Amino acid sequence: MAFKPSKIKKHNIHRVQAKLSLNSMMDIFIIILLFLLKTYSAQGHLFSHLHDLQLPVSQQENQPDRGLELVVSPEMIYFENMPVVPLVSVMSNAPEVVQNGIILPLKKTLEGYSSEGRLLEERYGIRFSGALSVKADRNLDYAELVKIMQTCGNAGFSNLHLVVLKN
C-alpha cells in the first residue's frame, strides 16, 4: 500500500512547465558585443571617403590620433564633411579668400572649433590636443598644401596628421 503523497509525486499530476531564462543568453551577447567593440576600436580611425579623392601612397605605418578631419579634394576644401571654400579660389589667391598665405574661410571655421575645444578644456578638463587629420589629393600643389597647413596652425590646430594610403 502506497502512501498518498508518494502516489502524487510518482505520477507527477501537477506538472510545471519549464521557462526559458534569458539572463545567461543576454550575458553572452554582452560579452560578444564588448569583444566586437574592442576589436573595432583597435582597428584605428575610420575616415570618410570621397570618390574623386586620390590619396598619396606612403610606407608610413603609424596610425593617426583621433581628431577632426579636413579633406582637400580637387574641387573643394571640406571640414568635417561640410564644404568650406572652393579650391579654385584658393589657388587663384583671391584677396577675399587668401591673405598672407592664410585661407580666411577655413581659418574662421577652424577657429570656431578651436575656441570650442579650449572652452571644453577650461570647463571640464577635456584636453584640447589640436589634432587634425588632413586628407589631401595626391595631385594637390605643394604651395596649396603649405597654405592649408599654415592656416591650420594659425587657427590653433598645430598637431596635423597627413592621411596616406599604405604601400
N, C-alpha and C. Protein backbone atom coordinates (compact mmCIF):
# COMPACT_ATOMS: atom_id res chain seq x y z
N MET A 1 0.83 -1.15 0.00
CA MET A 1 0.00 0.00 0.00
C MET A 1 0.89 1.23 0.00
N ALA A 2 0.64 2.04 -0.97
CA ALA A 2 1.48 3.23 -1.14
C ALA A 2 0.93 4.38 -0.33
N PHE A 3 1.88 5.16 0.15
CA PHE A 3 1.49 6.34 0.90
C PHE A 3 0.98 7.39 -0.07
N LYS A 4 -0.06 8.13 0.31
CA LYS A 4 -0.74 9.03 -0.61
C LYS A 4 0.18 10.10 -1.24
N PRO A 5 1.08 10.80 -0.49
CA PRO A 5 1.95 11.78 -1.15
C PRO A 5 2.89 11.15 -2.16
N SER A 6 3.30 9.90 -1.95
CA SER A 6 4.19 9.25 -2.89
C SER A 6 3.50 9.01 -4.22
N LYS A 7 2.20 8.68 -4.19
CA LYS A 7 1.43 8.48 -5.41
C LYS A 7 1.42 9.76 -6.25
N ILE A 8 1.26 10.90 -5.59
CA ILE A 8 1.19 12.17 -6.31
C ILE A 8 2.54 12.47 -6.95
N LYS A 9 3.62 12.25 -6.22
CA LYS A 9 4.95 12.50 -6.77
C LYS A 9 5.25 11.55 -7.92
N LYS A 10 4.81 10.29 -7.76
CA LYS A 10 5.10 9.28 -8.75
C LYS A 10 4.44 9.60 -10.08
N HIS A 11 3.24 10.03 -10.05
CA HIS A 11 2.50 10.27 -11.28
C HIS A 11 2.64 11.71 -11.77
N ASN A 12 3.21 12.56 -10.95
CA ASN A 12 3.50 13.95 -11.31
C ASN A 12 2.27 14.61 -11.93
N ILE A 13 1.22 14.66 -11.16
CA ILE A 13 -0.06 15.18 -11.62
C ILE A 13 0.02 16.67 -11.92
N HIS A 14 0.67 17.44 -11.07
CA HIS A 14 0.77 18.90 -11.24
C HIS A 14 2.10 19.23 -11.89
N ARG A 15 2.14 19.13 -13.21
CA ARG A 15 3.39 19.40 -13.94
C ARG A 15 3.59 20.91 -14.06
N VAL A 16 4.82 21.31 -13.90
CA VAL A 16 5.21 22.71 -14.04
C VAL A 16 5.95 22.84 -15.37
N GLN A 17 5.54 23.81 -16.19
CA GLN A 17 6.21 23.99 -17.47
C GLN A 17 7.51 24.77 -17.27
N ALA A 18 8.52 24.35 -17.97
CA ALA A 18 9.84 24.99 -17.86
C ALA A 18 9.79 26.34 -18.58
N LYS A 19 10.45 27.33 -18.00
CA LYS A 19 10.52 28.66 -18.60
C LYS A 19 11.95 28.90 -19.07
N LEU A 20 12.06 29.59 -20.16
CA LEU A 20 13.37 29.90 -20.73
C LEU A 20 13.96 31.11 -20.00
N SER A 21 15.17 30.96 -19.50
CA SER A 21 15.85 32.04 -18.80
C SER A 21 16.73 32.79 -19.79
N LEU A 22 16.48 34.08 -19.97
CA LEU A 22 17.24 34.87 -20.94
C LEU A 22 18.46 35.54 -20.31
N ASN A 23 18.63 35.42 -19.00
CA ASN A 23 19.76 36.09 -18.35
C ASN A 23 21.10 35.61 -18.88
N SER A 24 21.27 34.30 -18.98
CA SER A 24 22.54 33.76 -19.46
C SER A 24 22.79 34.15 -20.91
N MET A 25 21.74 34.10 -21.71
CA MET A 25 21.90 34.45 -23.12
C MET A 25 22.25 35.93 -23.27
N MET A 26 21.66 36.79 -22.47
CA MET A 26 21.98 38.22 -22.52
C MET A 26 23.43 38.46 -22.09
N ASP A 27 23.90 37.73 -21.10
CA ASP A 27 25.30 37.86 -20.69
C ASP A 27 26.24 37.51 -21.84
N ILE A 28 25.93 36.44 -22.55
CA ILE A 28 26.77 36.03 -23.67
C ILE A 28 26.76 37.09 -24.77
N PHE A 29 25.59 37.64 -25.08
CA PHE A 29 25.51 38.69 -26.10
C PHE A 29 26.29 39.94 -25.70
N ILE A 30 26.25 40.28 -24.43
CA ILE A 30 27.00 41.46 -23.95
C ILE A 30 28.50 41.21 -24.09
N ILE A 31 28.95 40.01 -23.77
CA ILE A 31 30.37 39.68 -23.89
C ILE A 31 30.80 39.74 -25.36
N ILE A 32 29.97 39.21 -26.25
CA ILE A 32 30.29 39.26 -27.68
C ILE A 32 30.32 40.70 -28.17
N LEU A 33 29.35 41.51 -27.72
CA LEU A 33 29.31 42.92 -28.12
C LEU A 33 30.55 43.66 -27.64
N LEU A 34 30.97 43.45 -26.40
CA LEU A 34 32.17 44.10 -25.88
C LEU A 34 33.41 43.66 -26.65
N PHE A 35 33.48 42.39 -26.99
CA PHE A 35 34.61 41.90 -27.78
C PHE A 35 34.66 42.57 -29.15
N LEU A 36 33.50 42.69 -29.80
CA LEU A 36 33.46 43.32 -31.12
C LEU A 36 33.79 44.80 -31.05
N LEU A 37 33.30 45.48 -30.02
CA LEU A 37 33.63 46.90 -29.85
C LEU A 37 35.12 47.09 -29.61
N LYS A 38 35.71 46.24 -28.80
CA LYS A 38 37.14 46.34 -28.53
C LYS A 38 37.94 46.08 -29.80
N THR A 39 37.53 45.10 -30.59
CA THR A 39 38.21 44.80 -31.85
C THR A 39 38.07 45.96 -32.82
N TYR A 40 36.88 46.54 -32.88
CA TYR A 40 36.63 47.67 -33.79
C TYR A 40 37.47 48.87 -33.40
N SER A 41 37.57 49.17 -32.11
CA SER A 41 38.33 50.34 -31.68
C SER A 41 39.83 50.12 -31.85
N ALA A 42 40.28 48.89 -31.92
CA ALA A 42 41.70 48.62 -32.10
C ALA A 42 42.11 48.74 -33.57
N GLN A 43 41.16 48.85 -34.47
CA GLN A 43 41.47 48.91 -35.89
C GLN A 43 41.97 50.28 -36.33
N GLY A 44 41.81 51.30 -35.53
CA GLY A 44 42.26 52.63 -35.92
C GLY A 44 41.09 53.51 -36.30
N HIS A 45 41.43 54.64 -36.85
CA HIS A 45 40.44 55.67 -37.18
C HIS A 45 39.85 55.39 -38.56
N LEU A 46 38.53 55.45 -38.65
CA LEU A 46 37.88 55.29 -39.95
C LEU A 46 37.66 56.67 -40.55
N PHE A 47 37.95 56.80 -41.83
CA PHE A 47 37.83 58.07 -42.50
C PHE A 47 36.74 58.00 -43.55
N SER A 48 36.10 59.12 -43.75
CA SER A 48 35.11 59.18 -44.83
C SER A 48 35.86 59.15 -46.16
N HIS A 49 35.18 58.75 -47.20
CA HIS A 49 35.84 58.57 -48.48
C HIS A 49 35.10 59.34 -49.56
N LEU A 50 35.83 60.14 -50.31
CA LEU A 50 35.28 60.81 -51.48
C LEU A 50 35.75 60.06 -52.71
N HIS A 51 34.86 59.88 -53.68
CA HIS A 51 35.20 59.08 -54.85
C HIS A 51 36.26 59.73 -55.73
N ASP A 52 36.30 61.06 -55.79
CA ASP A 52 37.26 61.71 -56.67
C ASP A 52 38.58 62.04 -55.98
N LEU A 53 38.76 61.58 -54.75
CA LEU A 53 39.98 61.87 -53.99
C LEU A 53 40.96 60.71 -54.12
N GLN A 54 42.17 61.01 -54.56
CA GLN A 54 43.24 60.02 -54.66
C GLN A 54 44.30 60.38 -53.64
N LEU A 55 44.42 59.58 -52.59
CA LEU A 55 45.40 59.84 -51.55
C LEU A 55 46.80 59.45 -52.02
N PRO A 56 47.83 60.15 -51.52
CA PRO A 56 49.19 59.75 -51.85
C PRO A 56 49.53 58.41 -51.18
N VAL A 57 50.51 57.74 -51.75
CA VAL A 57 50.93 56.43 -51.24
C VAL A 57 52.20 56.62 -50.42
N SER A 58 52.28 55.90 -49.29
CA SER A 58 53.45 56.01 -48.43
C SER A 58 53.69 54.67 -47.76
N GLN A 59 54.85 54.53 -47.14
CA GLN A 59 55.15 53.32 -46.39
C GLN A 59 55.00 53.56 -44.90
N GLN A 60 54.44 54.66 -44.52
CA GLN A 60 54.22 55.01 -43.12
C GLN A 60 53.25 54.03 -42.48
N GLU A 61 53.55 53.59 -41.26
CA GLU A 61 52.71 52.60 -40.61
C GLU A 61 52.04 53.12 -39.35
N ASN A 62 52.30 54.35 -38.94
CA ASN A 62 51.69 54.88 -37.72
C ASN A 62 50.23 55.21 -37.96
N GLN A 63 49.41 54.91 -36.97
CA GLN A 63 48.01 55.26 -37.03
C GLN A 63 47.84 56.68 -36.50
N PRO A 64 47.06 57.52 -37.19
CA PRO A 64 46.86 58.89 -36.68
C PRO A 64 45.96 58.89 -35.46
N ASP A 65 46.14 59.92 -34.64
CA ASP A 65 45.27 60.10 -33.48
C ASP A 65 43.88 60.45 -33.98
N ARG A 66 42.91 60.17 -33.15
CA ARG A 66 41.55 60.56 -33.49
C ARG A 66 41.44 62.07 -33.34
N GLY A 67 40.90 62.68 -34.34
CA GLY A 67 40.76 64.12 -34.32
C GLY A 67 39.78 64.56 -35.38
N LEU A 68 39.71 65.82 -35.60
CA LEU A 68 38.82 66.34 -36.63
C LEU A 68 39.43 66.06 -38.01
N GLU A 69 38.58 66.12 -39.03
CA GLU A 69 39.02 65.72 -40.36
C GLU A 69 38.87 66.87 -41.35
N LEU A 70 39.94 67.16 -42.06
CA LEU A 70 39.98 68.16 -43.12
C LEU A 70 40.28 67.44 -44.43
N VAL A 71 39.39 67.59 -45.42
CA VAL A 71 39.56 66.90 -46.70
C VAL A 71 39.76 67.96 -47.78
N VAL A 72 40.82 67.78 -48.57
CA VAL A 72 41.11 68.68 -49.68
C VAL A 72 40.95 67.88 -50.97
N SER A 73 39.80 68.06 -51.61
CA SER A 73 39.54 67.37 -52.88
C SER A 73 40.00 68.27 -54.02
N PRO A 74 39.98 67.80 -55.25
CA PRO A 74 40.39 68.66 -56.37
C PRO A 74 39.48 69.87 -56.57
N GLU A 75 38.27 69.85 -56.04
CA GLU A 75 37.34 70.97 -56.23
C GLU A 75 37.09 71.81 -54.99
N MET A 76 37.15 71.21 -53.81
CA MET A 76 36.66 71.89 -52.61
C MET A 76 37.48 71.47 -51.39
N ILE A 77 37.50 72.36 -50.38
CA ILE A 77 38.06 72.02 -49.08
C ILE A 77 36.89 71.77 -48.15
N TYR A 78 36.88 70.58 -47.52
CA TYR A 78 35.81 70.19 -46.59
C TYR A 78 36.38 70.11 -45.19
N PHE A 79 35.58 70.53 -44.22
CA PHE A 79 35.94 70.34 -42.82
C PHE A 79 34.79 69.61 -42.16
N GLU A 80 35.08 68.43 -41.65
CA GLU A 80 34.04 67.58 -41.04
C GLU A 80 32.87 67.38 -42.00
N ASN A 81 33.17 67.07 -43.24
CA ASN A 81 32.19 66.79 -44.31
C ASN A 81 31.32 67.98 -44.69
N MET A 82 31.70 69.17 -44.29
CA MET A 82 30.98 70.38 -44.68
C MET A 82 31.88 71.18 -45.63
N PRO A 83 31.37 71.61 -46.79
CA PRO A 83 32.21 72.40 -47.70
C PRO A 83 32.55 73.76 -47.09
N VAL A 84 33.82 74.14 -47.21
CA VAL A 84 34.29 75.40 -46.62
C VAL A 84 34.60 76.43 -47.70
N VAL A 85 35.45 76.05 -48.65
CA VAL A 85 35.87 77.01 -49.67
C VAL A 85 36.26 76.23 -50.94
N PRO A 86 35.93 76.76 -52.12
CA PRO A 86 36.38 76.10 -53.35
C PRO A 86 37.89 76.21 -53.51
N LEU A 87 38.50 75.14 -53.96
CA LEU A 87 39.96 75.11 -54.11
C LEU A 87 40.43 76.05 -55.20
N VAL A 88 39.59 76.32 -56.20
CA VAL A 88 39.96 77.23 -57.30
C VAL A 88 40.24 78.63 -56.77
N SER A 89 39.42 79.08 -55.83
CA SER A 89 39.64 80.43 -55.28
C SER A 89 40.88 80.48 -54.40
N VAL A 90 41.23 79.37 -53.80
CA VAL A 90 42.47 79.31 -53.01
C VAL A 90 43.68 79.33 -53.94
N MET A 91 43.59 78.58 -55.02
CA MET A 91 44.72 78.51 -55.96
C MET A 91 44.93 79.83 -56.71
N SER A 92 43.85 80.57 -56.93
CA SER A 92 43.99 81.86 -57.63
C SER A 92 44.36 83.00 -56.68
N ASN A 93 44.50 82.71 -55.39
CA ASN A 93 44.84 83.71 -54.37
C ASN A 93 43.88 84.90 -54.39
N ALA A 94 42.60 84.61 -54.48
CA ALA A 94 41.59 85.68 -54.45
C ALA A 94 41.73 86.45 -53.14
N PRO A 95 41.77 87.79 -53.18
CA PRO A 95 42.03 88.57 -51.96
C PRO A 95 40.97 88.40 -50.87
N GLU A 96 39.73 88.08 -51.24
CA GLU A 96 38.70 87.87 -50.21
C GLU A 96 38.80 86.47 -49.59
N VAL A 97 39.65 85.60 -50.18
CA VAL A 97 39.80 84.23 -49.68
C VAL A 97 41.17 84.01 -49.04
N VAL A 98 42.24 84.49 -49.67
CA VAL A 98 43.60 84.26 -49.19
C VAL A 98 44.28 85.59 -48.91
N GLN A 99 44.81 85.73 -47.68
CA GLN A 99 45.60 86.91 -47.32
C GLN A 99 46.84 86.45 -46.56
N ASN A 100 48.00 86.81 -47.06
CA ASN A 100 49.29 86.45 -46.45
C ASN A 100 49.43 84.94 -46.25
N GLY A 101 48.94 84.16 -47.18
CA GLY A 101 49.06 82.71 -47.10
C GLY A 101 48.06 82.05 -46.18
N ILE A 102 47.11 82.80 -45.66
CA ILE A 102 46.07 82.27 -44.77
C ILE A 102 44.76 82.20 -45.53
N ILE A 103 44.10 81.06 -45.50
CA ILE A 103 42.80 80.89 -46.15
C ILE A 103 41.74 81.33 -45.14
N LEU A 104 41.14 82.50 -45.38
CA LEU A 104 40.27 83.13 -44.39
C LEU A 104 39.02 82.31 -44.03
N PRO A 105 38.24 81.76 -45.00
CA PRO A 105 37.06 80.98 -44.59
C PRO A 105 37.43 79.74 -43.78
N LEU A 106 38.54 79.11 -44.14
CA LEU A 106 38.99 77.93 -43.39
C LEU A 106 39.44 78.32 -41.99
N LYS A 107 40.15 79.44 -41.88
CA LYS A 107 40.61 79.89 -40.57
C LYS A 107 39.42 80.20 -39.67
N LYS A 108 38.39 80.85 -40.22
CA LYS A 108 37.21 81.19 -39.42
C LYS A 108 36.53 79.92 -38.90
N THR A 109 36.40 78.92 -39.77
CA THR A 109 35.78 77.66 -39.36
C THR A 109 36.61 76.94 -38.30
N LEU A 110 37.92 76.87 -38.53
CA LEU A 110 38.80 76.18 -37.59
C LEU A 110 38.88 76.90 -36.24
N GLU A 111 38.88 78.22 -36.26
CA GLU A 111 38.93 78.97 -35.00
C GLU A 111 37.68 78.73 -34.17
N GLY A 112 36.54 78.55 -34.82
CA GLY A 112 35.31 78.24 -34.08
C GLY A 112 35.44 76.92 -33.33
N TYR A 113 35.97 75.91 -33.99
CA TYR A 113 36.16 74.62 -33.33
C TYR A 113 37.27 74.69 -32.29
N SER A 114 38.31 75.44 -32.57
CA SER A 114 39.42 75.57 -31.63
C SER A 114 38.97 76.26 -30.35
N SER A 115 38.21 77.35 -30.48
CA SER A 115 37.73 78.05 -29.27
C SER A 115 36.77 77.17 -28.49
N GLU A 116 35.96 76.37 -29.19
CA GLU A 116 35.05 75.46 -28.50
C GLU A 116 35.85 74.38 -27.75
N GLY A 117 36.92 73.89 -28.36
CA GLY A 117 37.76 72.90 -27.70
C GLY A 117 38.47 73.46 -26.48
N ARG A 118 38.94 74.69 -26.58
CA ARG A 118 39.60 75.32 -25.42
C ARG A 118 38.61 75.63 -24.30
N LEU A 119 37.37 75.96 -24.67
CA LEU A 119 36.34 76.19 -23.67
C LEU A 119 36.01 74.90 -22.93
N LEU A 120 35.93 73.79 -23.65
CA LEU A 120 35.70 72.49 -23.01
C LEU A 120 36.86 72.12 -22.09
N GLU A 121 38.07 72.52 -22.51
CA GLU A 121 39.24 72.24 -21.67
C GLU A 121 39.17 73.02 -20.36
N GLU A 122 38.74 74.28 -20.43
CA GLU A 122 38.63 75.10 -19.22
C GLU A 122 37.53 74.59 -18.30
N ARG A 123 36.38 74.29 -18.87
CA ARG A 123 35.22 73.93 -18.05
C ARG A 123 35.29 72.52 -17.49
N TYR A 124 35.67 71.55 -18.34
CA TYR A 124 35.55 70.15 -17.94
C TYR A 124 36.88 69.41 -17.86
N GLY A 125 37.96 70.06 -18.21
CA GLY A 125 39.27 69.42 -18.14
C GLY A 125 39.55 68.46 -19.29
N ILE A 126 38.74 68.52 -20.34
CA ILE A 126 38.98 67.68 -21.52
C ILE A 126 40.08 68.34 -22.33
N ARG A 127 41.22 67.67 -22.47
CA ARG A 127 42.39 68.27 -23.10
C ARG A 127 42.15 68.52 -24.59
N PHE A 128 42.45 69.72 -25.03
CA PHE A 128 42.37 70.07 -26.45
C PHE A 128 43.73 69.81 -27.06
N SER A 129 43.80 68.80 -27.93
CA SER A 129 45.10 68.39 -28.49
C SER A 129 45.46 69.16 -29.76
N GLY A 130 44.51 69.78 -30.39
CA GLY A 130 44.78 70.47 -31.65
C GLY A 130 45.08 69.50 -32.77
N ALA A 131 44.56 68.27 -32.66
CA ALA A 131 44.81 67.24 -33.67
C ALA A 131 43.85 67.42 -34.84
N LEU A 132 44.41 67.31 -36.03
CA LEU A 132 43.62 67.46 -37.25
C LEU A 132 44.18 66.49 -38.29
N SER A 133 43.31 65.64 -38.83
CA SER A 133 43.71 64.71 -39.89
C SER A 133 43.43 65.36 -41.23
N VAL A 134 44.46 65.49 -42.05
CA VAL A 134 44.34 66.15 -43.35
C VAL A 134 44.42 65.09 -44.45
N LYS A 135 43.34 65.00 -45.23
CA LYS A 135 43.32 64.13 -46.40
C LYS A 135 43.38 65.03 -47.62
N ALA A 136 44.49 64.98 -48.32
CA ALA A 136 44.67 65.83 -49.50
C ALA A 136 44.89 64.97 -50.72
N ASP A 137 44.38 65.43 -51.84
CA ASP A 137 44.56 64.72 -53.10
C ASP A 137 46.04 64.68 -53.47
N ARG A 138 46.46 63.58 -54.07
CA ARG A 138 47.89 63.45 -54.41
C ARG A 138 48.35 64.44 -55.46
N ASN A 139 47.43 65.02 -56.22
CA ASN A 139 47.79 65.99 -57.27
C ASN A 139 47.75 67.44 -56.77
N LEU A 140 47.53 67.64 -55.50
CA LEU A 140 47.50 68.99 -54.93
C LEU A 140 48.90 69.60 -54.95
N ASP A 141 48.99 70.85 -55.38
CA ASP A 141 50.28 71.55 -55.39
C ASP A 141 50.79 71.73 -53.97
N TYR A 142 52.10 71.69 -53.84
CA TYR A 142 52.73 71.85 -52.53
C TYR A 142 52.43 73.22 -51.93
N ALA A 143 52.40 74.25 -52.77
CA ALA A 143 52.13 75.61 -52.28
C ALA A 143 50.74 75.69 -51.65
N GLU A 144 49.78 74.98 -52.21
CA GLU A 144 48.41 75.00 -51.65
C GLU A 144 48.38 74.22 -50.33
N LEU A 145 49.13 73.13 -50.26
CA LEU A 145 49.20 72.36 -49.01
C LEU A 145 49.85 73.19 -47.91
N VAL A 146 50.86 73.98 -48.26
CA VAL A 146 51.51 74.85 -47.28
C VAL A 146 50.51 75.90 -46.77
N LYS A 147 49.70 76.47 -47.65
CA LYS A 147 48.67 77.43 -47.23
C LYS A 147 47.70 76.80 -46.24
N ILE A 148 47.29 75.58 -46.55
CA ILE A 148 46.34 74.88 -45.68
C ILE A 148 46.98 74.59 -44.33
N MET A 149 48.21 74.11 -44.33
CA MET A 149 48.89 73.81 -43.07
C MET A 149 49.15 75.08 -42.26
N GLN A 150 49.50 76.17 -42.93
CA GLN A 150 49.72 77.43 -42.24
C GLN A 150 48.42 77.94 -41.62
N THR A 151 47.32 77.80 -42.34
CA THR A 151 46.03 78.22 -41.82
C THR A 151 45.64 77.39 -40.60
N CYS A 152 45.86 76.08 -40.68
CA CYS A 152 45.52 75.20 -39.55
C CYS A 152 46.34 75.57 -38.31
N GLY A 153 47.64 75.76 -38.48
CA GLY A 153 48.48 76.14 -37.36
C GLY A 153 48.10 77.49 -36.77
N ASN A 154 47.74 78.44 -37.64
CA ASN A 154 47.34 79.77 -37.19
C ASN A 154 46.02 79.74 -36.42
N ALA A 155 45.14 78.76 -36.73
CA ALA A 155 43.84 78.65 -36.06
C ALA A 155 43.90 77.81 -34.80
N GLY A 156 45.07 77.28 -34.45
CA GLY A 156 45.19 76.53 -33.20
C GLY A 156 45.29 75.03 -33.38
N PHE A 157 45.33 74.56 -34.61
CA PHE A 157 45.48 73.14 -34.87
C PHE A 157 46.90 72.88 -35.36
N SER A 158 47.80 72.68 -34.41
CA SER A 158 49.21 72.51 -34.76
C SER A 158 49.61 71.04 -34.83
N ASN A 159 48.72 70.15 -34.44
CA ASN A 159 49.02 68.71 -34.45
C ASN A 159 48.37 68.10 -35.69
N LEU A 160 49.05 68.21 -36.83
CA LEU A 160 48.49 67.77 -38.11
C LEU A 160 48.96 66.36 -38.45
N HIS A 161 48.04 65.58 -39.02
CA HIS A 161 48.35 64.24 -39.49
C HIS A 161 47.93 64.16 -40.95
N LEU A 162 48.86 63.87 -41.83
CA LEU A 162 48.53 63.71 -43.24
C LEU A 162 48.15 62.24 -43.46
N VAL A 163 46.95 62.03 -43.99
CA VAL A 163 46.45 60.67 -44.22
C VAL A 163 46.92 60.21 -45.59
N VAL A 164 47.53 59.02 -45.62
CA VAL A 164 48.04 58.44 -46.85
C VAL A 164 47.59 56.99 -46.95
N LEU A 165 47.71 56.44 -48.15
CA LEU A 165 47.47 55.01 -48.33
C LEU A 165 48.74 54.25 -48.07
N LYS A 166 48.62 53.12 -47.42
CA LYS A 166 49.79 52.29 -47.14
C LYS A 166 50.20 51.55 -48.40
N ASN A 167 51.47 51.59 -48.72
CA ASN A 167 52.00 50.94 -49.91
C ASN A 167 52.01 49.44 -49.76
